[in-house]
Amino acid sequence: MSLPNDPVMLLSYVNTQLRDHYPSLKELALSLNVNSDDIVKKLAAIDYSYDSQLNKFI
């Protein structure tokens, strides 16, 4: 499966996956075979950053 290209859709998808299935961004990226840095950069473009303690982008 490919991740959504639209940053807002990506935000929604990633946060839902983190909440429901993965204990960390690293685990999500490994499972989906994607680079977590790419996700972080794309979401930084819309002013979101990953909070590892909350396990979500805020």
N, C-alpha and C. Protein backbone atom coordinates (compact mmCIF):
# COMPACT_ATOMS: atom_id res chain seq x y z
N MET A 1 0.84 -1.19 0.00
CA MET A 1 0.00 0.00 0.00
C MET A 1 0.88 1.25 0.00
N SER A 2 0.48 2.24 -0.77
CA SER A 2 1.21 3.50 -0.75
C SER A 2 0.50 4.48 0.18
N LEU A 3 1.29 5.37 0.73
CA LEU A 3 0.75 6.37 1.63
C LEU A 3 0.09 7.49 0.83
N PRO A 4 -0.88 8.17 1.42
CA PRO A 4 -1.49 9.30 0.73
C PRO A 4 -0.46 10.38 0.42
N ASN A 5 -0.57 11.01 -0.74
CA ASN A 5 0.35 12.08 -1.13
C ASN A 5 -0.03 13.41 -0.52
N ASP A 6 -1.32 13.64 -0.35
CA ASP A 6 -1.78 14.90 0.23
C ASP A 6 -1.37 14.94 1.70
N PRO A 7 -0.68 15.99 2.15
CA PRO A 7 -0.20 16.04 3.53
C PRO A 7 -1.30 15.93 4.59
N VAL A 8 -2.45 16.53 4.34
CA VAL A 8 -3.54 16.47 5.34
C VAL A 8 -4.10 15.05 5.42
N MET A 9 -4.25 14.40 4.29
CA MET A 9 -4.70 13.01 4.28
C MET A 9 -3.65 12.10 4.92
N LEU A 10 -2.39 12.39 4.66
CA LEU A 10 -1.30 11.62 5.27
C LEU A 10 -1.33 11.77 6.78
N LEU A 11 -1.53 12.97 7.25
CA LEU A 11 -1.62 13.24 8.69
C LEU A 11 -2.72 12.39 9.32
N SER A 12 -3.88 12.43 8.73
CA SER A 12 -5.01 11.66 9.26
C SER A 12 -4.71 10.16 9.25
N TYR A 13 -4.19 9.68 8.14
CA TYR A 13 -3.89 8.25 8.02
C TYR A 13 -2.83 7.81 9.04
N VAL A 14 -1.73 8.56 9.10
CA VAL A 14 -0.63 8.17 9.99
C VAL A 14 -1.06 8.23 11.45
N ASN A 15 -1.74 9.29 11.85
CA ASN A 15 -2.17 9.38 13.26
C ASN A 15 -3.16 8.27 13.61
N THR A 16 -4.02 7.92 12.69
CA THR A 16 -4.95 6.81 12.94
C THR A 16 -4.20 5.50 13.10
N GLN A 17 -3.25 5.26 12.22
CA GLN A 17 -2.46 4.03 12.30
C GLN A 17 -1.65 3.98 13.59
N LEU A 18 -1.06 5.09 13.97
CA LEU A 18 -0.29 5.14 15.22
C LEU A 18 -1.20 4.88 16.43
N ARG A 19 -2.35 5.46 16.41
CA ARG A 19 -3.29 5.28 17.53
C ARG A 19 -3.78 3.83 17.63
N ASP A 20 -4.10 3.24 16.48
CA ASP A 20 -4.78 1.95 16.49
C ASP A 20 -3.86 0.73 16.37
N HIS A 21 -2.65 0.91 15.79
CA HIS A 21 -1.87 -0.28 15.46
C HIS A 21 -0.39 -0.27 15.82
N TYR A 22 0.22 0.87 15.98
CA TYR A 22 1.68 0.92 16.13
C TYR A 22 2.10 1.69 17.37
N PRO A 23 3.09 1.18 18.09
CA PRO A 23 3.57 1.86 19.30
C PRO A 23 4.53 3.01 19.02
N SER A 24 4.96 3.15 17.75
CA SER A 24 5.90 4.22 17.41
C SER A 24 5.90 4.47 15.91
N LEU A 25 6.41 5.62 15.53
CA LEU A 25 6.55 5.95 14.12
C LEU A 25 7.52 4.98 13.45
N LYS A 26 8.56 4.61 14.16
CA LYS A 26 9.54 3.66 13.61
C LYS A 26 8.87 2.34 13.26
N GLU A 27 8.03 1.83 14.14
CA GLU A 27 7.33 0.57 13.88
C GLU A 27 6.38 0.69 12.68
N LEU A 28 5.69 1.81 12.59
CA LEU A 28 4.80 2.03 11.44
C LEU A 28 5.60 2.03 10.14
N ALA A 29 6.69 2.77 10.12
CA ALA A 29 7.52 2.88 8.91
C ALA A 29 8.09 1.51 8.52
N LEU A 30 8.56 0.76 9.48
CA LEU A 30 9.10 -0.57 9.18
C LEU A 30 8.03 -1.48 8.61
N SER A 31 6.86 -1.45 9.21
CA SER A 31 5.77 -2.31 8.77
C SER A 31 5.30 -1.96 7.37
N LEU A 32 5.25 -0.66 7.05
CA LEU A 32 4.77 -0.21 5.74
C LEU A 32 5.89 -0.09 4.72
N ASN A 33 7.12 -0.38 5.15
CA ASN A 33 8.29 -0.31 4.28
C ASN A 33 8.45 1.08 3.66
N VAL A 34 8.38 2.09 4.53
CA VAL A 34 8.58 3.48 4.12
C VAL A 34 9.62 4.12 5.03
N ASN A 35 10.14 5.24 4.61
CA ASN A 35 11.13 5.97 5.39
C ASN A 35 10.40 6.95 6.31
N SER A 36 10.62 6.82 7.60
CA SER A 36 9.94 7.70 8.56
C SER A 36 10.35 9.15 8.36
N ASP A 37 11.58 9.41 7.90
CA ASP A 37 12.02 10.78 7.66
C ASP A 37 11.19 11.44 6.56
N ASP A 38 10.77 10.67 5.58
CA ASP A 38 9.93 11.22 4.51
C ASP A 38 8.58 11.67 5.06
N ILE A 39 8.03 10.88 5.97
CA ILE A 39 6.75 11.24 6.60
C ILE A 39 6.93 12.51 7.43
N VAL A 40 7.99 12.54 8.22
CA VAL A 40 8.25 13.70 9.08
C VAL A 40 8.42 14.96 8.24
N LYS A 41 9.16 14.88 7.15
CA LYS A 41 9.38 16.06 6.30
C LYS A 41 8.08 16.52 5.64
N LYS A 42 7.30 15.59 5.15
CA LYS A 42 6.06 15.96 4.48
C LYS A 42 5.09 16.62 5.46
N LEU A 43 5.02 16.13 6.68
CA LEU A 43 4.11 16.71 7.66
C LEU A 43 4.66 17.99 8.27
N ALA A 44 5.98 18.13 8.27
CA ALA A 44 6.58 19.39 8.74
C ALA A 44 6.18 20.54 7.81
N ALA A 45 5.94 20.22 6.55
CA ALA A 45 5.54 21.23 5.57
C ALA A 45 4.19 21.85 5.91
N ILE A 46 3.37 21.15 6.70
CA ILE A 46 2.10 21.71 7.15
C ILE A 46 2.12 21.97 8.66
N ASP A 47 3.34 22.14 9.17
CA ASP A 47 3.57 22.54 10.58
C ASP A 47 3.17 21.49 11.61
N TYR A 48 3.37 20.22 11.29
CA TYR A 48 3.16 19.15 12.26
C TYR A 48 4.47 18.47 12.54
N SER A 49 4.65 18.06 13.78
CA SER A 49 5.85 17.32 14.16
C SER A 49 5.44 16.12 15.00
N TYR A 50 6.29 15.11 14.98
CA TYR A 50 5.99 13.87 15.71
C TYR A 50 6.35 14.03 17.17
N ASP A 51 5.42 13.68 18.03
CA ASP A 51 5.65 13.65 19.48
C ASP A 51 5.71 12.19 19.89
N SER A 52 6.90 11.71 20.22
CA SER A 52 7.07 10.29 20.54
C SER A 52 6.37 9.91 21.84
N GLN A 53 6.25 10.83 22.76
CA GLN A 53 5.58 10.51 24.02
C GLN A 53 4.08 10.31 23.81
N LEU A 54 3.49 11.11 22.95
CA LEU A 54 2.07 10.98 22.64
C LEU A 54 1.83 10.00 21.49
N ASN A 55 2.89 9.67 20.76
CA ASN A 55 2.84 8.79 19.60
C ASN A 55 1.85 9.29 18.56
N LYS A 56 2.02 10.58 18.23
CA LYS A 56 1.19 11.17 17.18
C LYS A 56 1.83 12.45 16.69
N PHE A 57 1.36 12.90 15.54
CA PHE A 57 1.81 14.18 15.01
C PHE A 57 0.90 15.27 15.55
N ILE A 58 1.53 16.33 16.05
CA ILE A 58 0.77 17.44 16.62
C ILE A 58 1.25 18.75 16.03
